[in-house]
């Protein structure tokens, strides 16, 4: 084998190692004015995410957010072209995330301040305004669907607390449906027992905080 052929073989092997290593590459469409046959996948994924968002009309629905995502993608290409490959790819991933999250309202989780007495699931009258706050949210966001989550402190058995937390979630769900005219199919209820404490169960105050309801309702219902 000639020295030239050996050199070409060596270069080919190095190229294949580079392309099949930790980074992913694909055929370069030259959209970002990057030379070469191959380009990091992250760059063109950002292009595709921006294109998909534009086709979905998000450039009109939330133009400021769309421009920020597109600018982020263009900046990623600028960095990539300056031979800062890994930094450019990382910025492209961020631009893709921005494009995929366009026009989403940050409304989840929604926490309503409702607490319960020990072993009880009945709703006290003092919490009417908290429940109305959730009902108003649901009326304002007619596509929103979600879950009422019930929680307990750690006193008692796991089985009894799981049942109690479900009863608490059901109480709030039924109250919202019955008193505010919210369609039942928009609300589900799930009890988590003592598995998700927000405070220490070693104190009376902590246990009170853990006997609670949380309402998880994204604005768009997803």
N, C-alpha and C. Protein backbone atom coordinates (compact mmCIF):
# COMPACT_ATOMS: atom_id res chain seq x y z
N UNK A 1 0.85 -1.20 0.00
CA UNK A 1 0.00 0.00 0.00
C UNK A 1 0.88 1.24 0.00
N UNK A 2 0.62 2.19 -0.89
CA UNK A 2 1.42 3.39 -0.98
C UNK A 2 1.22 4.25 0.25
N UNK A 3 2.18 5.16 0.45
CA UNK A 3 2.07 6.06 1.61
C UNK A 3 0.85 6.97 1.50
N UNK A 4 0.53 7.41 0.27
CA UNK A 4 -0.63 8.28 0.05
C UNK A 4 -1.91 7.54 0.42
N UNK A 5 -1.99 6.28 -0.02
CA UNK A 5 -3.19 5.49 0.28
C UNK A 5 -3.31 5.24 1.77
N UNK A 6 -2.17 4.98 2.42
CA UNK A 6 -2.19 4.78 3.87
C UNK A 6 -2.68 6.03 4.58
N UNK A 7 -2.21 7.18 4.11
CA UNK A 7 -2.61 8.45 4.72
C UNK A 7 -4.10 8.68 4.56
N UNK A 8 -4.62 8.39 3.34
CA UNK A 8 -6.05 8.56 3.09
C UNK A 8 -6.87 7.63 3.97
N UNK A 9 -6.39 6.41 4.13
CA UNK A 9 -7.09 5.45 4.98
C UNK A 9 -7.11 5.94 6.42
N UNK A 10 -5.97 6.46 6.89
CA UNK A 10 -5.88 6.97 8.26
C UNK A 10 -6.83 8.14 8.48
N UNK A 11 -6.89 9.05 7.51
CA UNK A 11 -7.78 10.21 7.62
C UNK A 11 -9.23 9.76 7.64
N UNK A 12 -9.55 8.77 6.80
CA UNK A 12 -10.93 8.25 6.75
C UNK A 12 -11.33 7.65 8.10
N UNK A 13 -10.42 6.88 8.68
CA UNK A 13 -10.70 6.26 9.98
C UNK A 13 -10.91 7.33 11.04
N UNK A 14 -10.05 8.34 11.06
CA UNK A 14 -10.22 9.42 12.03
C UNK A 14 -11.55 10.12 11.86
N UNK A 15 -11.95 10.35 10.60
CA UNK A 15 -13.23 11.01 10.32
C UNK A 15 -14.39 10.18 10.84
N UNK A 16 -14.35 8.87 10.60
CA UNK A 16 -15.42 8.00 11.05
C UNK A 16 -15.49 7.96 12.57
N UNK A 17 -14.32 7.96 13.22
CA UNK A 17 -14.31 7.99 14.69
C UNK A 17 -14.95 9.26 15.20
N UNK A 18 -14.61 10.37 14.55
CA UNK A 18 -15.17 11.66 14.97
C UNK A 18 -16.69 11.68 14.81
N UNK A 19 -17.16 11.13 13.70
CA UNK A 19 -18.59 11.19 13.42
C UNK A 19 -19.40 10.19 14.21
N UNK A 20 -18.77 9.15 14.71
CA UNK A 20 -19.51 8.13 15.45
C UNK A 20 -19.17 8.14 16.93
N UNK A 21 -18.51 9.19 17.38
CA UNK A 21 -18.18 9.32 18.79
C UNK A 21 -19.40 9.77 19.58
N UNK A 22 -19.14 10.52 20.64
CA UNK A 22 -20.22 10.98 21.51
C UNK A 22 -21.16 11.95 20.79
N UNK A 23 -20.62 12.74 19.88
CA UNK A 23 -21.45 13.72 19.17
C UNK A 23 -22.16 13.06 18.00
N UNK A 24 -23.31 13.60 17.63
CA UNK A 24 -24.06 13.11 16.47
C UNK A 24 -23.95 14.12 15.33
N UNK A 25 -23.77 13.59 14.12
CA UNK A 25 -23.64 14.42 12.94
C UNK A 25 -24.67 13.99 11.91
N UNK A 26 -24.98 14.88 10.98
CA UNK A 26 -25.85 14.56 9.87
C UNK A 26 -25.39 15.35 8.65
N UNK A 27 -25.96 15.03 7.49
CA UNK A 27 -25.57 15.71 6.26
C UNK A 27 -25.91 17.19 6.36
N UNK A 28 -24.96 18.02 6.03
CA UNK A 28 -25.10 19.48 6.15
C UNK A 28 -25.95 20.02 5.00
N UNK A 29 -27.00 20.74 5.35
CA UNK A 29 -27.85 21.38 4.33
C UNK A 29 -27.39 22.81 4.02
N UNK A 30 -26.33 23.24 4.71
CA UNK A 30 -25.71 24.56 4.47
C UNK A 30 -26.62 25.73 4.83
N UNK A 31 -27.65 25.48 5.65
CA UNK A 31 -28.54 26.59 6.00
C UNK A 31 -27.85 27.61 6.89
N UNK A 32 -26.89 27.16 7.66
CA UNK A 32 -26.22 28.09 8.54
C UNK A 32 -24.88 28.57 8.01
N UNK A 33 -24.67 28.38 6.71
CA UNK A 33 -23.41 28.79 6.07
C UNK A 33 -22.20 28.14 6.74
N UNK A 34 -22.37 26.90 7.17
CA UNK A 34 -21.27 26.15 7.75
C UNK A 34 -20.69 25.25 6.66
N UNK A 35 -19.39 25.34 6.36
CA UNK A 35 -18.81 24.51 5.31
C UNK A 35 -18.70 23.05 5.74
N UNK A 36 -18.54 22.18 4.77
CA UNK A 36 -18.34 20.77 5.06
C UNK A 36 -19.57 19.93 4.74
N UNK A 37 -19.33 18.62 4.57
CA UNK A 37 -20.42 17.72 4.21
C UNK A 37 -21.31 17.38 5.41
N UNK A 38 -20.70 17.36 6.61
CA UNK A 38 -21.45 16.99 7.80
C UNK A 38 -21.48 18.13 8.80
N UNK A 39 -22.49 18.11 9.66
CA UNK A 39 -22.64 19.15 10.67
C UNK A 39 -23.25 18.52 11.91
N UNK A 40 -22.99 19.11 13.06
CA UNK A 40 -23.57 18.59 14.28
C UNK A 40 -25.10 18.62 14.19
N UNK A 41 -25.71 17.54 14.61
CA UNK A 41 -27.16 17.40 14.53
C UNK A 41 -27.88 18.51 15.28
N UNK A 42 -27.32 18.97 16.39
CA UNK A 42 -27.99 19.99 17.19
C UNK A 42 -28.30 21.26 16.39
N UNK A 43 -27.41 21.58 15.46
CA UNK A 43 -27.58 22.82 14.70
C UNK A 43 -28.84 22.75 13.84
N UNK A 44 -28.98 21.67 13.09
CA UNK A 44 -30.12 21.56 12.19
C UNK A 44 -31.41 21.19 12.93
N UNK A 45 -31.28 20.58 14.12
CA UNK A 45 -32.47 20.36 14.95
C UNK A 45 -33.06 21.71 15.35
N UNK A 46 -32.19 22.68 15.64
CA UNK A 46 -32.68 24.02 15.97
C UNK A 46 -33.40 24.63 14.78
N UNK A 47 -32.85 24.45 13.59
CA UNK A 47 -33.52 24.93 12.37
C UNK A 47 -34.90 24.30 12.23
N UNK A 48 -34.96 23.00 12.42
CA UNK A 48 -36.24 22.30 12.25
C UNK A 48 -37.26 22.73 13.30
N UNK A 49 -36.79 22.97 14.52
CA UNK A 49 -37.71 23.41 15.58
C UNK A 49 -38.29 24.78 15.26
N UNK A 50 -37.46 25.68 14.75
CA UNK A 50 -37.94 27.02 14.37
C UNK A 50 -38.92 26.90 13.20
N UNK A 51 -38.60 26.07 12.21
CA UNK A 51 -39.50 25.88 11.07
C UNK A 51 -40.85 25.33 11.53
N UNK A 52 -40.83 24.35 12.42
CA UNK A 52 -42.08 23.75 12.91
C UNK A 52 -42.91 24.78 13.67
N UNK A 53 -42.24 25.61 14.45
CA UNK A 53 -42.97 26.65 15.19
C UNK A 53 -43.59 27.66 14.24
N UNK A 54 -42.88 28.02 13.18
CA UNK A 54 -43.42 28.96 12.21
C UNK A 54 -44.62 28.35 11.47
N UNK A 55 -44.50 27.08 11.09
CA UNK A 55 -45.60 26.42 10.41
C UNK A 55 -46.83 26.29 11.30
N UNK A 56 -46.61 26.21 12.62
CA UNK A 56 -47.72 26.13 13.57
C UNK A 56 -48.32 27.49 13.88
N UNK A 57 -47.76 28.55 13.26
CA UNK A 57 -48.31 29.89 13.46
C UNK A 57 -47.85 30.57 14.73
N UNK A 58 -46.81 30.04 15.37
CA UNK A 58 -46.37 30.62 16.64
C UNK A 58 -45.60 31.92 16.44
N UNK A 59 -45.13 32.17 15.21
CA UNK A 59 -44.49 33.46 14.94
C UNK A 59 -45.52 34.59 15.00
N UNK A 60 -46.80 34.24 14.82
CA UNK A 60 -47.87 35.24 14.93
C UNK A 60 -48.53 35.21 16.31
N UNK A 61 -48.61 34.02 16.90
CA UNK A 61 -49.28 33.89 18.20
C UNK A 61 -48.46 34.51 19.33
N UNK A 62 -47.16 34.36 19.28
CA UNK A 62 -46.30 34.97 20.32
C UNK A 62 -45.02 35.45 19.64
N UNK A 63 -45.13 36.56 18.88
CA UNK A 63 -44.02 37.01 18.04
C UNK A 63 -42.74 37.34 18.81
N UNK A 64 -42.86 37.92 20.00
CA UNK A 64 -41.66 38.28 20.76
C UNK A 64 -40.89 37.02 21.18
N UNK A 65 -41.63 36.02 21.65
CA UNK A 65 -40.99 34.76 22.05
C UNK A 65 -40.38 34.06 20.84
N UNK A 66 -41.10 34.10 19.72
CA UNK A 66 -40.60 33.45 18.51
C UNK A 66 -39.29 34.10 18.06
N UNK A 67 -39.25 35.44 18.08
CA UNK A 67 -38.03 36.14 17.66
C UNK A 67 -36.86 35.79 18.58
N UNK A 68 -37.14 35.68 19.89
CA UNK A 68 -36.09 35.33 20.83
C UNK A 68 -35.53 33.93 20.54
N UNK A 69 -36.41 32.99 20.19
CA UNK A 69 -35.96 31.64 19.86
C UNK A 69 -35.16 31.64 18.57
N UNK A 70 -35.64 32.40 17.57
CA UNK A 70 -34.93 32.47 16.29
C UNK A 70 -33.58 33.15 16.47
N UNK A 71 -33.53 34.20 17.26
CA UNK A 71 -32.26 34.88 17.54
C UNK A 71 -31.29 33.93 18.25
N UNK A 72 -31.82 33.12 19.16
CA UNK A 72 -30.98 32.16 19.87
C UNK A 72 -30.38 31.15 18.91
N UNK A 73 -31.19 30.71 17.94
CA UNK A 73 -30.70 29.77 16.93
C UNK A 73 -29.61 30.42 16.07
N UNK A 74 -29.84 31.65 15.64
CA UNK A 74 -28.85 32.35 14.81
C UNK A 74 -27.55 32.58 15.59
N UNK A 75 -27.68 32.90 16.87
CA UNK A 75 -26.48 33.08 17.70
C UNK A 75 -25.71 31.78 17.84
N UNK A 76 -26.43 30.67 17.95
CA UNK A 76 -25.76 29.37 18.03
C UNK A 76 -24.93 29.11 16.78
N UNK A 77 -25.48 29.46 15.62
CA UNK A 77 -24.72 29.29 14.37
C UNK A 77 -23.51 30.22 14.34
N UNK A 78 -23.67 31.44 14.83
CA UNK A 78 -22.54 32.38 14.85
C UNK A 78 -21.39 31.81 15.69
N UNK A 79 -21.75 31.25 16.84
CA UNK A 79 -20.74 30.67 17.73
C UNK A 79 -20.11 29.44 17.08
N UNK A 80 -20.93 28.61 16.46
CA UNK A 80 -20.44 27.40 15.80
C UNK A 80 -19.46 27.75 14.67
N UNK A 81 -19.81 28.80 13.92
CA UNK A 81 -18.94 29.21 12.80
C UNK A 81 -17.58 29.71 13.29
N UNK A 82 -17.53 30.19 14.52
CA UNK A 82 -16.26 30.71 15.05
C UNK A 82 -15.39 29.60 15.62
N UNK A 83 -15.74 28.35 15.28
CA UNK A 83 -14.97 27.16 15.68
C UNK A 83 -15.14 26.79 17.15
N UNK A 84 -16.11 27.39 17.82
CA UNK A 84 -16.44 26.99 19.20
C UNK A 84 -17.57 25.96 19.11
N UNK A 85 -17.20 24.78 18.63
CA UNK A 85 -18.17 23.76 18.22
C UNK A 85 -19.09 23.34 19.36
N UNK A 86 -18.50 22.96 20.47
CA UNK A 86 -19.31 22.44 21.58
C UNK A 86 -20.22 23.53 22.15
N UNK A 87 -19.70 24.74 22.25
CA UNK A 87 -20.51 25.85 22.75
C UNK A 87 -21.67 26.14 21.80
N UNK A 88 -21.38 26.11 20.50
CA UNK A 88 -22.44 26.34 19.52
C UNK A 88 -23.51 25.28 19.59
N UNK A 89 -23.09 24.01 19.73
CA UNK A 89 -24.07 22.93 19.82
C UNK A 89 -24.93 23.06 21.07
N UNK A 90 -24.30 23.46 22.18
CA UNK A 90 -25.06 23.65 23.42
C UNK A 90 -26.08 24.77 23.27
N UNK A 91 -25.68 25.87 22.63
CA UNK A 91 -26.61 26.98 22.40
C UNK A 91 -27.73 26.57 21.45
N UNK A 92 -27.42 25.71 20.49
CA UNK A 92 -28.45 25.22 19.57
C UNK A 92 -29.49 24.39 20.32
N UNK A 93 -29.04 23.59 21.28
CA UNK A 93 -29.99 22.81 22.09
C UNK A 93 -30.91 23.74 22.87
N UNK A 94 -30.35 24.83 23.40
CA UNK A 94 -31.17 25.80 24.12
C UNK A 94 -32.18 26.46 23.18
N UNK A 95 -31.75 26.77 21.97
CA UNK A 95 -32.67 27.39 20.99
C UNK A 95 -33.80 26.43 20.64
N UNK A 96 -33.47 25.14 20.49
CA UNK A 96 -34.50 24.14 20.21
C UNK A 96 -35.52 24.08 21.34
N UNK A 97 -35.03 24.10 22.57
CA UNK A 97 -35.93 24.07 23.73
C UNK A 97 -36.83 25.30 23.75
N UNK A 98 -36.27 26.45 23.41
CA UNK A 98 -37.08 27.67 23.35
C UNK A 98 -38.17 27.55 22.30
N UNK A 99 -37.80 27.04 21.13
CA UNK A 99 -38.77 26.90 20.03
C UNK A 99 -39.87 25.92 20.39
N UNK A 100 -39.51 24.84 21.06
CA UNK A 100 -40.50 23.83 21.44
C UNK A 100 -41.44 24.30 22.53
N UNK A 101 -41.01 25.31 23.29
CA UNK A 101 -41.83 25.79 24.41
C UNK A 101 -42.57 27.08 24.09
N UNK A 102 -42.59 27.49 22.84
CA UNK A 102 -43.22 28.76 22.47
C UNK A 102 -44.70 28.80 22.80
N UNK A 103 -45.15 29.98 23.23
CA UNK A 103 -46.57 30.28 23.46
C UNK A 103 -47.19 29.48 24.60
N UNK A 104 -46.38 28.88 25.43
CA UNK A 104 -46.92 28.16 26.58
C UNK A 104 -46.97 29.09 27.78
N UNK A 105 -48.11 29.09 28.46
CA UNK A 105 -48.28 29.92 29.65
C UNK A 105 -47.76 29.17 30.86
N UNK A 106 -47.07 29.89 31.73
CA UNK A 106 -46.53 29.27 32.94
C UNK A 106 -47.56 29.32 34.05
N UNK A 107 -48.42 28.31 34.12
CA UNK A 107 -49.50 28.30 35.10
C UNK A 107 -49.53 27.04 35.94
N UNK A 108 -48.49 26.28 35.95
CA UNK A 108 -48.53 25.01 36.66
C UNK A 108 -47.27 24.81 37.49
N UNK A 109 -47.35 24.20 38.68
CA UNK A 109 -48.60 23.81 39.32
C UNK A 109 -49.26 24.98 40.02
N UNK A 110 -50.56 24.92 40.15
CA UNK A 110 -51.31 25.92 40.90
C UNK A 110 -51.59 25.37 42.29
N UNK A 111 -51.08 26.01 43.31
CA UNK A 111 -51.27 25.54 44.68
C UNK A 111 -52.37 26.35 45.33
N UNK A 112 -53.35 25.65 45.88
CA UNK A 112 -54.40 26.34 46.64
C UNK A 112 -54.23 25.98 48.11
N UNK A 113 -54.38 26.97 48.94
CA UNK A 113 -54.08 26.83 50.36
C UNK A 113 -55.27 26.26 51.12
N UNK A 114 -55.40 24.94 51.06
CA UNK A 114 -56.46 24.26 51.80
C UNK A 114 -55.81 23.19 52.66
N UNK A 115 -56.05 23.25 53.96
CA UNK A 115 -55.51 22.27 54.88
C UNK A 115 -56.64 21.61 55.66
N UNK A 116 -56.32 20.49 56.28
CA UNK A 116 -57.33 19.67 56.93
C UNK A 116 -56.93 19.36 58.37
N UNK A 117 -57.96 19.08 59.18
CA UNK A 117 -57.71 18.57 60.51
C UNK A 117 -57.23 17.13 60.41
N UNK A 118 -56.59 16.64 61.46
CA UNK A 118 -56.10 15.27 61.48
C UNK A 118 -57.24 14.27 61.24
N UNK A 119 -57.01 13.36 60.33
CA UNK A 119 -57.93 12.28 59.94
C UNK A 119 -59.19 12.78 59.24
N UNK A 120 -59.27 14.07 58.92
CA UNK A 120 -60.50 14.63 58.33
C UNK A 120 -60.30 14.93 56.84
N UNK A 121 -61.43 14.90 56.10
CA UNK A 121 -61.40 15.25 54.68
C UNK A 121 -62.46 16.30 54.33
N UNK A 122 -63.20 16.78 55.35
CA UNK A 122 -64.23 17.78 55.08
C UNK A 122 -63.59 19.15 54.90
N UNK A 123 -64.19 19.95 54.00
CA UNK A 123 -63.64 21.27 53.66
C UNK A 123 -64.26 22.33 54.57
N UNK A 124 -63.41 23.10 55.20
CA UNK A 124 -63.88 24.16 56.10
C UNK A 124 -64.36 25.37 55.29
N UNK A 125 -65.35 26.07 55.80
CA UNK A 125 -65.91 27.21 55.11
C UNK A 125 -64.91 28.32 54.83
N UNK A 126 -63.87 28.40 55.63
CA UNK A 126 -62.87 29.46 55.47
C UNK A 126 -62.09 29.33 54.16
N UNK A 127 -62.21 28.18 53.50
CA UNK A 127 -61.45 27.96 52.28
C UNK A 127 -62.26 28.20 51.01
N UNK A 128 -63.45 28.76 51.14
CA UNK A 128 -64.28 29.00 49.96
C UNK A 128 -63.56 29.88 48.94
N UNK A 129 -62.90 30.92 49.39
CA UNK A 129 -62.23 31.82 48.45
C UNK A 129 -61.08 31.13 47.72
N UNK A 130 -60.40 30.21 48.40
CA UNK A 130 -59.34 29.46 47.73
C UNK A 130 -59.91 28.58 46.62
N UNK A 131 -61.03 27.96 46.90
CA UNK A 131 -61.67 27.11 45.89
C UNK A 131 -62.22 27.95 44.74
N UNK A 132 -62.72 29.13 45.06
CA UNK A 132 -63.21 30.02 44.02
C UNK A 132 -62.05 30.47 43.12
N UNK A 133 -60.88 30.64 43.70
CA UNK A 133 -59.71 31.02 42.91
C UNK A 133 -59.40 29.96 41.86
N UNK A 134 -59.50 28.69 42.24
CA UNK A 134 -59.29 27.61 41.29
C UNK A 134 -60.39 27.58 40.24
N UNK A 135 -61.64 27.77 40.67
CA UNK A 135 -62.76 27.77 39.72
C UNK A 135 -62.62 28.91 38.72
N UNK A 136 -62.21 30.09 39.19
CA UNK A 136 -62.02 31.23 38.30
C UNK A 136 -60.92 30.95 37.28
N UNK A 137 -59.87 30.29 37.74
CA UNK A 137 -58.79 29.91 36.83
C UNK A 137 -59.31 28.99 35.73
N UNK A 138 -60.12 28.01 36.10
CA UNK A 138 -60.64 27.05 35.13
C UNK A 138 -61.61 27.71 34.14
N UNK A 139 -62.37 28.69 34.62
CA UNK A 139 -63.27 29.41 33.72
C UNK A 139 -62.49 30.29 32.75
N UNK A 140 -61.40 30.85 33.23
CA UNK A 140 -60.57 31.72 32.40
C UNK A 140 -59.79 30.91 31.37
N UNK A 141 -59.49 29.66 31.68
CA UNK A 141 -58.71 28.79 30.80
C UNK A 141 -59.55 27.56 30.46
N UNK A 142 -60.48 27.69 29.51
CA UNK A 142 -61.47 26.63 29.26
C UNK A 142 -60.87 25.33 28.72
N UNK A 143 -59.62 25.36 28.24
CA UNK A 143 -58.99 24.13 27.77
C UNK A 143 -58.20 23.41 28.85
N UNK A 144 -58.10 24.04 30.01
CA UNK A 144 -57.30 23.46 31.09
C UNK A 144 -57.99 22.25 31.70
N UNK A 145 -57.24 21.17 31.81
CA UNK A 145 -57.68 20.00 32.56
C UNK A 145 -56.54 19.61 33.49
N UNK A 146 -56.86 18.94 34.57
CA UNK A 146 -55.78 18.60 35.48
C UNK A 146 -56.22 17.76 36.65
N UNK A 147 -55.37 17.77 37.66
CA UNK A 147 -55.53 16.85 38.79
C UNK A 147 -55.56 17.61 40.11
N UNK A 148 -56.54 17.26 40.95
CA UNK A 148 -56.54 17.68 42.34
C UNK A 148 -55.74 16.63 43.11
N UNK A 149 -54.68 17.06 43.79
CA UNK A 149 -53.81 16.13 44.51
C UNK A 149 -54.02 16.27 46.01
N UNK A 150 -54.31 15.16 46.67
CA UNK A 150 -54.50 15.15 48.11
C UNK A 150 -53.28 14.59 48.83
N UNK A 151 -52.97 15.17 50.01
CA UNK A 151 -51.78 14.78 50.77
C UNK A 151 -52.10 14.68 52.26
N UNK A 152 -51.30 13.92 52.96
CA UNK A 152 -51.47 13.76 54.41
C UNK A 152 -50.14 13.93 55.12
N UNK A 153 -50.19 13.97 56.46
CA UNK A 153 -48.95 13.88 57.22
C UNK A 153 -48.60 12.40 57.37
N UNK A 154 -47.62 12.10 58.20
CA UNK A 154 -47.13 10.72 58.29
C UNK A 154 -47.76 9.93 59.42
N UNK A 155 -48.66 10.52 60.19
CA UNK A 155 -49.31 9.78 61.27
C UNK A 155 -50.21 8.69 60.70
N UNK A 156 -50.20 7.52 61.30
CA UNK A 156 -51.04 6.44 60.84
C UNK A 156 -50.34 5.58 59.80
N UNK A 157 -51.05 4.59 59.31
CA UNK A 157 -50.47 3.66 58.33
C UNK A 157 -50.48 4.26 56.93
N UNK A 158 -49.61 3.74 56.10
CA UNK A 158 -49.56 4.17 54.70
C UNK A 158 -50.91 3.94 54.04
N UNK A 159 -51.51 2.77 54.27
CA UNK A 159 -52.77 2.44 53.62
C UNK A 159 -53.88 3.41 54.01
N UNK A 160 -53.99 3.71 55.31
CA UNK A 160 -55.06 4.62 55.75
C UNK A 160 -54.82 6.03 55.24
N UNK A 161 -53.56 6.44 55.15
CA UNK A 161 -53.26 7.78 54.64
C UNK A 161 -53.49 7.89 53.14
N UNK A 162 -53.23 6.84 52.41
CA UNK A 162 -53.53 6.86 50.98
C UNK A 162 -55.03 7.01 50.77
N UNK A 163 -55.81 6.30 51.55
CA UNK A 163 -57.27 6.40 51.44
C UNK A 163 -57.75 7.79 51.85
N UNK A 164 -57.18 8.32 52.94
CA UNK A 164 -57.58 9.64 53.41
C UNK A 164 -57.22 10.73 52.40
N UNK A 165 -56.04 10.64 51.81
CA UNK A 165 -55.64 11.66 50.83
C UNK A 165 -56.54 11.61 49.60
N UNK A 166 -56.97 10.42 49.22
CA UNK A 166 -57.90 10.31 48.09
C UNK A 166 -59.23 10.95 48.44
N UNK A 167 -59.70 10.74 49.67
CA UNK A 167 -60.95 11.36 50.12
C UNK A 167 -60.84 12.89 50.11
N UNK A 168 -59.71 13.42 50.49
CA UNK A 168 -59.50 14.86 50.48
C UNK A 168 -59.53 15.40 49.04
N UNK A 169 -58.85 14.71 48.15
CA UNK A 169 -58.84 15.14 46.75
C UNK A 169 -60.24 15.07 46.16
N UNK A 170 -60.96 14.00 46.47
CA UNK A 170 -62.34 13.85 45.97
C UNK A 170 -63.25 14.95 46.51
N UNK A 171 -63.05 15.32 47.78
CA UNK A 171 -63.89 16.37 48.38
C UNK A 171 -63.74 17.69 47.64
N UNK A 172 -62.50 18.04 47.33
CA UNK A 172 -62.25 19.31 46.64
C UNK A 172 -62.78 19.22 45.21
N UNK A 173 -62.53 18.13 44.53
CA UNK A 173 -63.04 17.95 43.17
C UNK A 173 -64.56 18.10 43.14
N UNK A 174 -65.24 17.40 44.02
CA UNK A 174 -66.70 17.44 44.03
C UNK A 174 -67.22 18.83 44.38
N UNK A 175 -66.52 19.53 45.26
CA UNK A 175 -66.93 20.88 45.64
C UNK A 175 -66.86 21.82 44.44
N UNK A 176 -65.75 21.75 43.70
CA UNK A 176 -65.57 22.61 42.53
C UNK A 176 -66.64 22.33 41.47
N UNK A 177 -66.91 21.07 41.23
CA UNK A 177 -67.90 20.69 40.23
C UNK A 177 -69.30 21.13 40.65
N UNK A 178 -69.64 20.90 41.90
CA UNK A 178 -71.01 21.16 42.37
C UNK A 178 -71.29 22.65 42.56
N UNK A 179 -70.31 23.40 43.02
CA UNK A 179 -70.56 24.79 43.38
C UNK A 179 -70.21 25.81 42.31
N UNK A 180 -69.41 25.41 41.33
CA UNK A 180 -68.97 26.39 40.34
C UNK A 180 -69.27 25.97 38.91
N UNK A 181 -69.93 24.85 38.72
CA UNK A 181 -70.34 24.44 37.38
C UNK A 181 -69.22 24.05 36.45
N UNK A 182 -68.12 23.54 36.99
CA UNK A 182 -67.01 23.09 36.15
C UNK A 182 -67.29 21.66 35.69
N UNK A 183 -67.10 21.38 34.42
CA UNK A 183 -67.36 20.05 33.87
C UNK A 183 -66.51 18.99 34.57
N UNK A 184 -67.14 17.90 34.95
CA UNK A 184 -66.45 16.88 35.73
C UNK A 184 -65.28 16.25 35.00
N UNK A 185 -65.38 16.16 33.66
CA UNK A 185 -64.31 15.51 32.90
C UNK A 185 -63.02 16.34 32.87
N UNK A 186 -63.09 17.58 33.30
CA UNK A 186 -61.90 18.42 33.31
C UNK A 186 -61.05 18.21 34.57
N UNK A 187 -61.61 17.54 35.57
CA UNK A 187 -60.92 17.43 36.85
C UNK A 187 -60.85 15.97 37.27
N UNK A 188 -59.65 15.52 37.58
CA UNK A 188 -59.49 14.21 38.21
C UNK A 188 -58.93 14.42 39.61
N UNK A 189 -58.92 13.37 40.40
CA UNK A 189 -58.46 13.47 41.79
C UNK A 189 -57.56 12.28 42.09
N UNK A 190 -56.46 12.56 42.80
CA UNK A 190 -55.52 11.49 43.14
C UNK A 190 -54.93 11.74 44.52
N UNK A 191 -54.92 10.72 45.34
CA UNK A 191 -54.32 10.82 46.67
C UNK A 191 -52.91 10.29 46.69
N UNK A 192 -52.02 11.02 47.37
CA UNK A 192 -50.61 10.62 47.45
C UNK A 192 -50.20 10.25 48.87
N UNK A 193 -51.15 10.29 49.82
CA UNK A 193 -50.81 9.94 51.19
C UNK A 193 -49.69 10.82 51.73
N UNK A 194 -48.73 10.22 52.45
CA UNK A 194 -47.64 11.01 53.03
C UNK A 194 -46.38 11.03 52.16
N UNK A 195 -46.50 10.63 50.89
CA UNK A 195 -45.31 10.40 50.06
C UNK A 195 -44.66 11.66 49.52
N UNK A 196 -45.36 12.81 49.59
CA UNK A 196 -44.80 14.05 49.04
C UNK A 196 -44.89 15.19 50.07
N UNK A 197 -44.20 15.07 51.20
CA UNK A 197 -44.27 16.12 52.22
C UNK A 197 -43.62 17.41 51.74
N UNK A 198 -44.16 18.53 52.19
CA UNK A 198 -43.55 19.83 51.90
C UNK A 198 -42.89 20.41 53.15
N UNK A 199 -43.04 19.73 54.27
CA UNK A 199 -42.46 20.17 55.53
C UNK A 199 -42.14 18.93 56.36
N UNK A 200 -41.41 19.14 57.44
CA UNK A 200 -41.03 18.02 58.30
C UNK A 200 -42.24 17.51 59.08
N UNK A 201 -42.38 16.20 59.13
CA UNK A 201 -43.44 15.59 59.93
C UNK A 201 -43.03 15.43 61.39
N UNK A 202 -41.88 15.98 61.75
CA UNK A 202 -41.41 15.90 63.14
C UNK A 202 -42.04 16.97 64.02
N UNK A 203 -42.72 17.95 63.40
CA UNK A 203 -43.32 19.04 64.17
C UNK A 203 -44.81 19.14 63.86
N UNK A 204 -45.55 19.72 64.81
CA UNK A 204 -46.98 19.93 64.60
C UNK A 204 -47.23 20.84 63.42
N UNK A 205 -46.43 21.90 63.31
CA UNK A 205 -46.60 22.85 62.22
C UNK A 205 -46.31 22.18 60.87
N UNK A 206 -45.30 21.35 60.83
CA UNK A 206 -44.96 20.67 59.59
C UNK A 206 -46.05 19.70 59.16
N UNK A 207 -46.61 18.98 60.12
CA UNK A 207 -47.69 18.06 59.80
C UNK A 207 -48.90 18.80 59.25
N UNK A 208 -49.20 19.97 59.82
CA UNK A 208 -50.34 20.76 59.34
C UNK A 208 -50.13 21.17 57.89
N UNK A 209 -48.91 21.55 57.55
CA UNK A 209 -48.62 21.94 56.17
C UNK A 209 -48.74 20.76 55.21
N UNK A 210 -48.43 19.59 55.68
CA UNK A 210 -48.49 18.41 54.82
C UNK A 210 -49.90 17.91 54.58
N UNK A 211 -50.84 18.28 55.47
CA UNK A 211 -52.25 17.90 55.25
C UNK A 211 -52.87 18.94 54.34
N UNK A 212 -52.70 18.76 53.04
CA UNK A 212 -52.98 19.83 52.10
C UNK A 212 -53.54 19.31 50.79
N UNK A 213 -53.91 20.27 49.93
CA UNK A 213 -54.34 20.01 48.56
C UNK A 213 -53.44 20.79 47.61
N UNK A 214 -53.06 20.20 46.51
CA UNK A 214 -52.41 20.91 45.42
C UNK A 214 -53.24 20.70 44.16
N UNK A 215 -53.27 21.72 43.31
CA UNK A 215 -54.03 21.64 42.06
C UNK A 215 -53.07 21.81 40.90
N UNK A 216 -52.91 20.78 40.09
CA UNK A 216 -51.97 20.80 38.98
C UNK A 216 -52.75 20.94 37.68
N UNK A 217 -52.83 22.20 37.17
CA UNK A 217 -53.62 22.48 35.97
C UNK A 217 -52.82 23.35 35.01
N UNK A 218 -52.14 22.75 34.00
CA UNK A 218 -51.51 23.58 32.97
C UNK A 218 -52.57 24.39 32.22
N UNK A 219 -52.22 25.58 31.79
CA UNK A 219 -53.19 26.45 31.10
C UNK A 219 -53.72 25.82 29.83
N UNK A 220 -52.85 25.08 29.10
CA UNK A 220 -53.27 24.55 27.82
C UNK A 220 -53.82 23.15 27.90
N UNK A 221 -53.90 22.62 29.11
CA UNK A 221 -54.47 21.30 29.29
C UNK A 221 -53.53 20.15 28.99
N UNK A 222 -52.22 20.43 28.77
CA UNK A 222 -51.27 19.37 28.45
C UNK A 222 -50.44 19.02 29.67
